[in-house]
Amino acid sequence: MTGHYFLFFECMGLLAFHQGQIPRAKRQLGMTVNVIPFFSPISPSQLRVGMEARLQEVGSRVLSPEEFLSPKSTEGRAILRQHNSILVGTGGTENMITQFLARSGLSPPIILLSHTQSNSLPAAMEVRAYLQKHGISSRIIHAPFSELVKTVSEWCGFSQVEERIRESRLAVIGKPSPWLVASTVSTSAVRKRWGTTILDVQLDELIGLLNKPPSEKTEMAIETFVRGAVCSDVPEEDVKKAGLVSQAMEELAQKQDLDALSVECFTLEHKAGISGCCALSWLNNLQGMVAGCEGDVPAAFTMMIAKYLTKQPAFLANIADIDESENSVVAAHCTVPTSIVNAYEITTHFETGRSVAIRGQFPLQPVTVMKMWGDDLSQYWVSGGDIKENLRNETGCRTQVRVHLAKPAKQLLEGSLANHHVIVLGDYANLMERFLAFNARK
C-alpha cells in the first residue's frame, strides 16, 4: 500500500469534510435490527436475561412481544420497515410465536433464530412448518447461541451501512455518456429501494469553478502528487490544470452536500481541455467520498456500497478482455485511487492522448469484483478473485490488471451487468453476498 501518498489528499483540504466531521444530522445512524425473544414461562429467568443482554451488547434492540406491539413502538409502523427477527429462546413457545405473528404485521420472510439448547430448534421447526402451511415464507437461522450473537452483530453493522446508503446523495455532473446504453436507472425506483437521492448537476457548473486560481493547499497537493510518481510524461502545466478539477469538485461536493458523484468526463475534457482522471483518483482516496466516471450511476453506486462496507476505495474499470481458458479478465481504466496501488505513473488519457491520467501498479493479491445494476439497482454480480499481473498495453486504458476470478468468467459474457465493474482489494465476496442478502429481506 502507498500510505505516504495520503499526504497529498490531506493537503487538498477535503479530508475533514468527507470524514463526516461537519454537523450533518444524517450522520446519526439509526438502530434498525430488532430481536423479539420468546421463552417458555417455566424457563429460568437467568436464561432470558443472559441471552437478551448478549444481543443488546452487540447493538441490537431487544423488544418483548408486548413492546413491539405497543402503539409507541409501532408509531407510523416504521418498525415494520426495520430488520426484525424472532428469537426462539426455548421450546414450548410455538403458540406464543404464532399468535404474535398474527398481530405483528411483519412481512415475510419471517426470520426465526434458533440455538442448540432448550429445545429451541424443535420449536422453530414447528413454527416454520405452521407458517408454510399458511402460505407464509420463513427461514430458520440455526447455530450455537454464541454464533447467533455474531450473526446479529454483523446485521447491526449492515443496518448502519444501509442507513448510510439511505441518507447518501449521489450527483451526476453532466449526463451519462451516450454509450452507456444499458446503464440508466430510475431515480425514483432507486430512492424507493435504497433511499439514495440521485440528483443532476450541470457540467457547466463544474467548468465555471475551474476559473478560480489554485489555493495554497491545492498547489502543495499538486507538488506532492508529482513527486510521488515514478515518472511523468506530461507537462507540469497539465497536472496543475488537473488539480484545479479536484479543487472544483471539492467545492461542488460541499455546495451540493454530496457523498458520491459521477462526472461526464469525456465532455469535460472536450469543453475544458482537462480530463477528470486525476481528480477522481484524488477524491476516491478520501474516507467519505466516492467519485465515478462517465456519469455511470450504477458503477458509482457500486463503488459507494463497496466503500461503505470495506472502508476502502474501489477501482472502477472496463472489462477489456476475458480469457475463458484461464478464467480471467483484464480490467482497465485511466484513473485509479493511488492509495490502493504500489506505484503510479503520470501519463496521458488513452482515448484522447491528452491531459492527464494515471497508470497504477497493483499489488498481486486477492480482490473482489462486483457490480450493482437495474432500474432500482437491486441486481448484482459478485466474485472473489486474484490479481495475477499488471499489464502495459498501449491500445487500452492506462491502468490494467489481469484478475483470475472465483466465479466462471463466462458469466460476464452471457449475463453481464453492463461494462463497468468495480474492484476492491481483499476478498470480500462473501461479505458482499451476506450484506445484499440481508438487505433483500426487507
Protein backbone atom coordinates (compact mmCIF):
# COMPACT_ATOMS: atom_id res chain seq x y z
CA MET A 1 0.00 0.00 0.00
CA THR A 2 1.14 3.55 -0.63
CA GLY A 3 0.16 5.20 2.61
CA HIS A 4 2.66 8.04 2.10
CA TYR A 5 0.60 9.22 -0.85
CA PHE A 6 -2.21 10.05 1.57
CA LEU A 7 -0.42 13.30 2.42
CA PHE A 8 -1.49 14.54 -0.98
CA PHE A 9 -5.17 14.11 -0.28
CA GLU A 10 -4.90 15.62 3.17
CA CYS A 11 -3.33 18.65 1.56
CA MET A 12 -6.32 19.01 -0.70
CA GLY A 13 -8.29 20.22 2.30
CA LEU A 14 -11.09 17.72 1.70
CA LEU A 15 -10.46 15.29 4.50
CA ALA A 16 -12.44 16.87 7.34
CA PHE A 17 -15.50 17.39 5.16
CA HIS A 18 -15.62 13.86 3.82
CA GLN A 19 -14.80 12.12 7.09
CA GLY A 20 -18.18 13.29 8.33
CA GLN A 21 -16.75 15.84 10.77
CA ILE A 22 -19.22 18.52 9.72
CA PRO A 23 -22.52 18.82 11.62
CA ARG A 24 -24.90 16.86 9.42
CA ALA A 25 -27.90 15.27 11.07
CA LYS A 26 -27.85 12.45 8.57
CA ARG A 27 -24.57 11.19 10.03
CA GLN A 28 -26.53 9.96 13.04
CA LEU A 29 -27.23 6.35 12.21
CA GLY A 30 -30.37 4.70 13.47
CA MET A 31 -30.61 1.28 15.08
CA THR A 32 -32.72 -0.93 12.86
CA VAL A 33 -32.06 -4.52 13.97
CA ASN A 34 -34.78 -5.72 16.35
CA VAL A 35 -34.93 -9.10 18.06
CA ILE A 36 -38.21 -10.27 19.62
CA PRO A 37 -37.45 -13.10 22.09
CA PHE A 38 -39.79 -15.88 23.21
CA PHE A 39 -39.18 -18.03 26.27
CA SER A 40 -41.36 -20.58 27.97
CA PRO A 41 -42.92 -19.29 31.21
CA ILE A 42 -41.26 -22.16 33.07
CA SER A 43 -37.75 -21.45 31.72
CA PRO A 44 -35.20 -20.00 34.17
CA SER A 45 -35.28 -16.20 34.20
CA GLN A 46 -31.49 -16.06 34.08
CA LEU A 47 -31.58 -17.78 30.67
CA ARG A 48 -33.72 -14.97 29.24
CA VAL A 49 -31.74 -12.22 30.94
CA GLY A 50 -28.40 -13.62 29.79
CA MET A 51 -29.41 -14.07 26.16
CA GLU A 52 -31.08 -10.69 25.89
CA ALA A 53 -28.06 -8.97 27.42
CA ARG A 54 -25.66 -10.54 24.93
CA LEU A 55 -27.83 -9.49 22.00
CA GLN A 56 -28.03 -5.93 23.30
CA GLU A 57 -24.27 -5.80 23.79
CA VAL A 58 -23.68 -6.21 20.05
CA GLY A 59 -26.03 -3.37 19.16
CA SER A 60 -29.41 -4.97 18.53
CA ARG A 61 -32.59 -3.74 20.13
CA VAL A 62 -34.37 -6.44 22.12
CA LEU A 63 -38.12 -5.86 22.30
CA SER A 64 -40.57 -8.01 24.17
CA PRO A 65 -43.64 -9.01 22.14
CA GLU A 66 -45.66 -6.52 24.16
CA GLU A 67 -43.19 -3.69 23.48
CA PHE A 68 -43.17 -4.47 19.77
CA LEU A 69 -46.96 -4.35 19.57
CA SER A 70 -47.36 -1.21 21.68
CA PRO A 71 -48.58 1.97 19.94
CA LYS A 72 -45.34 3.75 20.85
CA SER A 73 -43.16 1.14 19.17
CA THR A 74 -45.32 0.89 16.08
CA GLU A 75 -45.97 4.61 15.62
CA GLY A 76 -46.03 5.19 11.89
CA ARG A 77 -45.32 1.47 11.51
CA ALA A 78 -41.70 2.45 10.91
CA ILE A 79 -40.63 -0.54 12.95
CA LEU A 80 -42.04 -2.84 10.27
CA ARG A 81 -39.55 -1.39 7.79
CA GLN A 82 -36.67 -2.36 10.02
CA HIS A 83 -34.97 -5.75 10.31
CA ASN A 84 -36.97 -7.89 12.72
CA SER A 85 -36.18 -11.41 13.86
CA ILE A 86 -37.82 -13.86 16.23
CA LEU A 87 -35.54 -15.48 18.81
CA VAL A 88 -36.92 -18.90 19.69
CA GLY A 89 -35.35 -18.94 23.14
CA THR A 90 -36.86 -22.22 24.31
CA GLY A 91 -39.32 -24.88 23.39
CA GLY A 92 -42.94 -24.51 24.37
CA THR A 93 -43.18 -21.13 22.65
CA GLU A 94 -44.87 -22.21 19.42
CA ASN A 95 -48.33 -20.83 20.26
CA MET A 96 -46.89 -17.63 21.65
CA ILE A 97 -44.94 -17.02 18.44
CA THR A 98 -47.78 -17.78 16.02
CA GLN A 99 -50.21 -15.61 17.98
CA PHE A 100 -47.69 -12.77 17.99
CA LEU A 101 -47.10 -13.07 14.25
CA ALA A 102 -50.84 -12.90 13.59
CA ARG A 103 -50.91 -9.46 15.22
CA SER A 104 -47.46 -8.13 14.34
CA GLY A 105 -47.86 -7.11 10.72
CA LEU A 106 -44.39 -8.46 9.96
CA SER A 107 -43.78 -9.14 6.29
CA PRO A 108 -42.28 -12.40 5.10
CA PRO A 109 -39.81 -13.91 5.12
CA ILE A 110 -40.10 -14.38 8.87
CA ILE A 111 -36.63 -14.92 10.36
CA LEU A 112 -36.53 -17.48 13.17
CA LEU A 113 -33.33 -17.61 15.24
CA SER A 114 -32.77 -20.96 16.95
CA HIS A 115 -29.88 -22.26 19.02
CA THR A 116 -28.62 -25.64 20.19
CA GLN A 117 -30.16 -25.77 23.67
CA SER A 118 -33.50 -25.68 25.49
CA ASN A 119 -35.46 -27.26 22.60
CA SER A 120 -35.09 -24.06 20.61
CA LEU A 121 -34.70 -25.76 17.23
CA PRO A 122 -37.68 -28.13 17.62
CA ALA A 123 -39.93 -25.15 18.37
CA ALA A 124 -38.54 -23.20 15.42
CA MET A 125 -39.14 -26.13 13.09
CA GLU A 126 -42.74 -26.41 14.27
CA VAL A 127 -43.34 -22.70 13.72
CA ARG A 128 -41.70 -22.77 10.29
CA ALA A 129 -43.98 -25.63 9.21
CA TYR A 130 -47.02 -23.77 10.57
CA LEU A 131 -46.09 -20.70 8.54
CA GLN A 132 -45.55 -22.79 5.42
CA LYS A 133 -48.96 -24.35 5.90
CA HIS A 134 -50.44 -20.86 5.92
CA GLY A 135 -48.52 -19.69 2.84
CA ILE A 136 -46.03 -17.52 4.73
CA SER A 137 -42.36 -17.82 3.85
CA SER A 138 -39.88 -18.09 6.68
CA ARG A 139 -36.31 -19.07 7.35
CA ILE A 140 -34.61 -20.71 10.31
CA ILE A 141 -31.12 -19.49 11.13
CA HIS A 142 -29.70 -22.14 13.45
CA ALA A 143 -26.36 -22.08 15.28
CA PRO A 144 -24.90 -22.20 18.78
CA PHE A 145 -26.07 -19.09 20.57
CA SER A 146 -22.59 -17.55 20.53
CA GLU A 147 -22.62 -17.79 16.72
CA LEU A 148 -26.11 -16.29 16.56
CA VAL A 149 -24.78 -13.33 18.53
CA LYS A 150 -22.00 -12.88 15.95
CA THR A 151 -24.57 -13.01 13.16
CA VAL A 152 -26.76 -10.40 14.83
CA SER A 153 -23.68 -8.25 15.42
CA GLU A 154 -22.90 -8.36 11.70
CA TRP A 155 -26.52 -7.46 10.92
CA CYS A 156 -26.20 -4.39 13.13
CA GLY A 157 -23.18 -3.32 11.10
CA PHE A 158 -25.10 -3.98 7.89
CA SER A 159 -28.01 -1.88 9.12
CA GLN A 160 -25.68 1.07 9.65
CA VAL A 161 -24.36 0.65 6.11
CA GLU A 162 -27.96 0.61 4.90
CA GLU A 163 -28.66 3.80 6.82
CA ARG A 164 -25.63 5.46 5.30
CA ILE A 165 -26.72 4.39 1.81
CA ARG A 166 -30.25 5.61 2.53
CA GLU A 167 -29.01 9.06 3.54
CA SER A 168 -26.45 9.42 0.73
CA ARG A 169 -26.61 11.93 -2.10
CA LEU A 170 -25.14 10.93 -5.46
CA ALA A 171 -24.83 13.52 -8.22
CA VAL A 172 -24.38 13.08 -11.94
CA ILE A 173 -22.31 16.05 -13.05
CA GLY A 174 -23.35 16.47 -16.65
CA LYS A 175 -25.07 13.49 -18.23
CA PRO A 176 -24.35 9.77 -18.53
CA SER A 177 -22.11 9.14 -21.53
CA PRO A 178 -24.19 8.21 -24.60
CA TRP A 179 -22.55 4.80 -24.97
CA LEU A 180 -23.86 3.67 -21.58
CA VAL A 181 -26.99 2.31 -23.22
CA ALA A 182 -27.64 -0.33 -20.54
CA SER A 183 -26.70 1.75 -17.52
CA THR A 184 -29.68 4.01 -16.98
CA VAL A 185 -31.62 3.91 -13.71
CA SER A 186 -34.95 5.12 -12.39
CA THR A 187 -34.11 7.68 -9.73
CA SER A 188 -37.50 7.16 -8.08
CA ALA A 189 -37.03 3.37 -8.04
CA VAL A 190 -33.55 3.74 -6.53
CA ARG A 191 -34.94 6.13 -3.94
CA LYS A 192 -37.69 3.66 -3.04
CA ARG A 193 -35.36 0.64 -2.94
CA TRP A 194 -32.31 2.16 -1.26
CA GLY A 195 -33.26 5.65 -0.10
CA THR A 196 -30.37 7.23 -2.00
CA THR A 197 -31.01 10.62 -3.58
CA ILE A 198 -29.73 10.92 -7.15
CA LEU A 199 -29.50 14.45 -8.48
CA ASP A 200 -28.36 16.13 -11.66
CA VAL A 201 -25.81 18.93 -11.68
CA GLN A 202 -24.96 20.86 -14.83
CA LEU A 203 -21.44 20.19 -16.10
CA ASP A 204 -21.06 23.91 -16.77
CA GLU A 205 -21.36 24.50 -13.02
CA LEU A 206 -18.19 22.46 -12.53
CA ILE A 207 -16.44 24.04 -15.50
CA GLY A 208 -17.23 27.51 -14.17
CA LEU A 209 -15.32 26.73 -10.99
CA LEU A 210 -12.17 25.92 -12.97
CA ASN A 211 -11.53 29.63 -13.45
CA LYS A 212 -10.63 30.04 -9.80
CA PRO A 213 -6.90 30.17 -9.08
CA PRO A 214 -5.41 27.23 -7.17
CA SER A 215 -5.39 27.60 -3.42
CA GLU A 216 -2.17 27.19 -1.48
CA LYS A 217 -3.30 23.75 -0.39
CA THR A 218 -4.05 22.75 -3.97
CA GLU A 219 -0.60 23.88 -5.08
CA MET A 220 1.02 21.86 -2.29
CA ALA A 221 -1.05 18.85 -3.22
CA ILE A 222 -0.09 19.03 -6.88
CA GLU A 223 3.58 19.21 -5.94
CA THR A 224 3.23 16.19 -3.67
CA PHE A 225 1.41 14.24 -6.38
CA VAL A 226 4.13 14.92 -8.95
CA ARG A 227 6.91 14.00 -6.50
CA GLY A 228 5.17 10.74 -5.62
CA ALA A 229 5.01 9.47 -9.19
CA VAL A 230 7.56 7.01 -10.54
CA CYS A 231 7.69 9.10 -13.71
CA SER A 232 5.65 11.58 -15.72
CA ASP A 233 5.44 12.14 -19.45
CA VAL A 234 3.01 15.08 -19.40
CA PRO A 235 3.71 18.79 -18.97
CA GLU A 236 3.52 20.03 -15.39
CA GLU A 237 1.03 22.66 -16.53
CA ASP A 238 -1.42 19.88 -17.45
CA VAL A 239 -1.06 18.38 -13.97
CA LYS A 240 -1.79 21.79 -12.45
CA LYS A 241 -4.95 22.01 -14.55
CA ALA A 242 -5.96 18.54 -13.35
CA GLY A 243 -5.51 19.78 -9.79
CA LEU A 244 -7.99 22.56 -10.49
CA VAL A 245 -10.61 19.94 -11.37
CA SER A 246 -10.17 18.37 -7.95
CA GLN A 247 -10.45 21.77 -6.28
CA ALA A 248 -13.63 22.46 -8.24
CA MET A 249 -15.12 19.07 -7.39
CA GLU A 250 -14.45 19.71 -3.70
CA GLU A 251 -16.32 22.98 -3.83
CA LEU A 252 -19.19 21.45 -5.76
CA ALA A 253 -19.40 18.48 -3.38
CA GLN A 254 -19.59 20.81 -0.40
CA LYS A 255 -22.18 23.03 -2.05
CA GLN A 256 -24.41 20.10 -3.04
CA ASP A 257 -23.76 18.13 0.18
CA LEU A 258 -22.61 15.09 -1.81
CA ASP A 259 -21.43 11.67 -0.73
CA ALA A 260 -20.76 10.45 -4.27
CA LEU A 261 -20.58 11.82 -7.78
CA SER A 262 -20.06 10.66 -11.34
CA VAL A 263 -18.73 13.04 -13.95
CA GLU A 264 -19.36 13.25 -17.67
CA CYS A 265 -15.60 13.22 -18.05
CA PHE A 266 -15.24 13.00 -21.83
CA THR A 267 -17.36 16.11 -22.33
CA LEU A 268 -15.37 17.80 -19.57
CA GLU A 269 -12.16 17.09 -21.48
CA HIS A 270 -13.73 18.28 -24.73
CA LYS A 271 -15.07 21.55 -23.29
CA ALA A 272 -12.33 22.44 -20.82
CA GLY A 273 -9.34 20.55 -22.19
CA ILE A 274 -8.82 18.83 -18.84
CA SER A 275 -9.51 15.18 -18.03
CA GLY A 276 -11.14 14.19 -14.76
CA CYS A 277 -8.90 11.16 -14.16
CA CYS A 278 -6.64 12.66 -11.50
CA ALA A 279 -9.46 14.44 -9.69
CA LEU A 280 -11.47 11.23 -9.44
CA SER A 281 -8.43 9.39 -8.11
CA TRP A 282 -7.86 12.08 -5.52
CA LEU A 283 -11.48 12.14 -4.36
CA ASN A 284 -11.72 8.36 -4.09
CA ASN A 285 -8.85 8.28 -1.63
CA LEU A 286 -10.91 10.24 0.87
CA GLN A 287 -12.74 8.31 3.55
CA GLY A 288 -16.23 9.56 2.89
CA MET A 289 -16.31 10.34 -0.82
CA VAL A 290 -16.86 8.28 -3.98
CA ALA A 291 -16.17 9.55 -7.49
CA GLY A 292 -17.02 7.69 -10.69
CA CYS A 293 -16.54 8.16 -14.41
CA GLU A 294 -18.72 8.84 -17.43
CA GLY A 295 -21.86 9.70 -15.48
CA ASP A 296 -22.34 5.99 -14.77
CA VAL A 297 -24.75 5.82 -11.82
CA PRO A 298 -24.77 2.01 -11.35
CA ALA A 299 -20.97 1.96 -11.25
CA ALA A 300 -20.72 4.88 -8.81
CA PHE A 301 -23.40 3.31 -6.61
CA THR A 302 -21.45 0.04 -6.62
CA MET A 303 -18.32 1.92 -5.58
CA MET A 304 -20.31 3.56 -2.80
CA ILE A 305 -21.57 0.27 -1.38
CA ALA A 306 -18.11 -1.25 -1.67
CA LYS A 307 -16.53 1.65 0.18
CA TYR A 308 -19.15 1.74 2.91
CA LEU A 309 -18.75 -1.99 3.54
CA THR A 310 -14.98 -2.31 3.29
CA LYS A 311 -13.84 1.24 4.15
CA GLN A 312 -11.63 1.11 1.07
CA PRO A 313 -11.68 2.98 -2.24
CA ALA A 314 -12.50 0.96 -5.33
CA PHE A 315 -11.09 0.73 -8.84
CA LEU A 316 -13.77 1.35 -11.48
CA ALA A 317 -12.78 -0.37 -14.71
CA ASN A 318 -13.78 -1.56 -18.13
CA ILE A 319 -13.75 -5.30 -18.66
CA ALA A 320 -11.32 -5.07 -21.57
CA ASP A 321 -10.73 -8.78 -22.18
CA ILE A 322 -11.94 -12.19 -21.00
CA ASP A 323 -9.91 -15.41 -21.22
CA GLU A 324 -12.20 -18.36 -20.56
CA SER A 325 -9.33 -20.85 -20.70
CA GLU A 326 -7.72 -19.39 -17.58
CA ASN A 327 -10.94 -17.89 -16.18
CA SER A 328 -9.55 -14.38 -16.08
CA VAL A 329 -10.48 -10.85 -17.07
CA VAL A 330 -8.46 -7.77 -17.88
CA ALA A 331 -9.77 -4.70 -16.05
CA ALA A 332 -8.58 -1.33 -17.28
CA HIS A 333 -9.19 2.39 -16.82
CA CYS A 334 -7.30 5.67 -16.89
CA THR A 335 -7.95 6.51 -13.26
CA VAL A 336 -7.25 4.58 -10.08
CA PRO A 337 -7.08 5.62 -6.42
CA THR A 338 -3.36 5.96 -5.79
CA SER A 339 -3.78 4.72 -2.21
CA ILE A 340 -4.50 1.18 -3.44
CA VAL A 341 -1.55 0.80 -5.82
CA ASN A 342 2.12 0.17 -5.08
CA ALA A 343 3.31 2.82 -7.51
CA TYR A 344 1.94 5.10 -10.22
CA GLU A 345 2.99 6.96 -13.33
CA ILE A 346 1.51 10.20 -14.59
CA THR A 347 0.65 9.87 -18.25
CA THR A 348 -1.91 10.94 -20.85
CA HIS A 349 -5.52 9.91 -21.19
CA PHE A 350 -5.80 6.90 -23.53
CA GLU A 351 -8.72 7.77 -25.81
CA THR A 352 -7.74 11.40 -26.37
CA GLY A 353 -3.97 11.19 -25.94
CA ARG A 354 -4.19 14.45 -24.00
CA SER A 355 -4.34 15.85 -20.48
CA VAL A 356 -3.54 13.60 -17.51
CA ALA A 357 -4.24 10.01 -16.49
CA ILE A 358 -2.75 7.54 -14.03
CA ARG A 359 -1.05 4.21 -14.68
CA GLY A 360 -1.10 2.31 -11.41
CA GLN A 361 0.74 -0.86 -10.41
CA PHE A 362 -1.44 -3.05 -8.20
CA PRO A 363 -0.18 -5.46 -5.56
CA LEU A 364 -0.72 -9.07 -6.59
CA GLN A 365 -3.34 -10.12 -4.07
CA PRO A 366 -6.95 -11.27 -3.59
CA VAL A 367 -9.66 -8.88 -4.72
CA THR A 368 -13.43 -8.65 -5.01
CA VAL A 369 -15.14 -7.82 -8.30
CA MET A 370 -18.72 -6.59 -8.18
CA LYS A 371 -21.47 -4.63 -9.93
CA MET A 372 -24.93 -3.36 -8.98
CA TRP A 373 -27.38 -2.87 -11.82
CA GLY A 374 -31.01 -2.46 -12.90
CA ASP A 375 -33.62 0.27 -12.73
CA ASP A 376 -33.58 0.15 -8.93
CA LEU A 377 -30.01 -1.16 -8.59
CA SER A 378 -31.17 -4.36 -6.90
CA GLN A 379 -29.47 -6.78 -9.29
CA TYR A 380 -25.87 -7.66 -8.61
CA TRP A 381 -22.90 -9.82 -9.51
CA VAL A 382 -20.07 -10.50 -7.07
CA SER A 383 -16.99 -12.68 -7.33
CA GLY A 384 -13.75 -13.15 -5.48
CA GLY A 385 -10.55 -13.18 -7.47
CA ASP A 386 -6.79 -12.65 -7.53
CA ILE A 387 -4.73 -10.05 -9.34
CA LYS A 388 -2.12 -12.08 -11.20
CA GLU A 389 -0.31 -9.40 -13.19
CA ASN A 390 -0.16 -5.76 -14.13
CA LEU A 391 -0.27 -5.19 -17.87
CA ARG A 392 1.03 -2.46 -20.13
CA ASN A 393 -0.86 -2.42 -23.40
CA GLU A 394 -0.74 0.86 -25.29
CA THR A 395 -4.00 0.01 -27.07
CA GLY A 396 -6.02 0.24 -23.87
CA CYS A 397 -6.66 2.38 -20.81
CA ARG A 398 -3.60 3.14 -18.71
CA THR A 399 -4.10 1.09 -15.54
CA GLN A 400 -4.51 -2.57 -16.49
CA VAL A 401 -4.68 -5.72 -14.37
CA ARG A 402 -5.42 -9.35 -15.06
CA VAL A 403 -7.76 -10.85 -12.46
CA HIS A 404 -8.39 -14.58 -12.12
CA LEU A 405 -11.99 -14.97 -10.97
CA ALA A 406 -13.55 -17.36 -8.47
CA LYS A 407 -16.77 -17.46 -10.48
CA PRO A 408 -16.84 -18.51 -14.14
CA ALA A 409 -15.70 -15.65 -16.36
CA LYS A 410 -18.20 -16.95 -18.88
CA GLN A 411 -20.95 -15.42 -16.74
CA LEU A 412 -19.76 -11.99 -17.85
CA LEU A 413 -20.14 -12.95 -21.49
CA GLU A 414 -23.59 -14.45 -21.07
CA GLY A 415 -25.13 -12.26 -18.38
CA SER A 416 -23.04 -9.14 -17.94
CA LEU A 417 -24.50 -6.28 -15.92
CA ALA A 418 -23.14 -3.79 -18.47
CA ASN A 419 -19.46 -2.96 -18.89
CA HIS A 420 -18.05 -1.12 -15.89
CA HIS A 421 -17.20 -3.28 -12.88
CA VAL A 422 -15.71 -2.37 -9.52
CA ILE A 423 -12.65 -3.96 -7.92
CA VAL A 424 -11.82 -3.76 -4.21
CA LEU A 425 -8.59 -5.04 -2.69
CA GLY A 426 -9.26 -8.03 -0.42
CA ASP A 427 -11.61 -10.99 -0.53
CA TYR A 428 -14.94 -9.50 0.49
CA ALA A 429 -17.15 -11.56 -1.82
CA ASN A 430 -18.86 -13.47 0.99
CA LEU A 431 -19.32 -10.27 2.99
CA MET A 432 -20.91 -8.57 -0.01
CA GLU A 433 -23.21 -11.53 -0.63
CA ARG A 434 -24.28 -11.58 3.03
CA PHE A 435 -24.96 -7.86 3.04
CA LEU A 436 -27.00 -7.95 -0.15
CA ALA A 437 -28.98 -10.96 1.09
CA PHE A 438 -29.62 -9.14 4.38
CA ASN A 439 -30.78 -6.05 2.53
CA ALA A 440 -33.08 -8.05 0.25
CA ARG A 441 -35.01 -9.41 3.25
CA LYS A 442 -36.89 -6.16 3.78
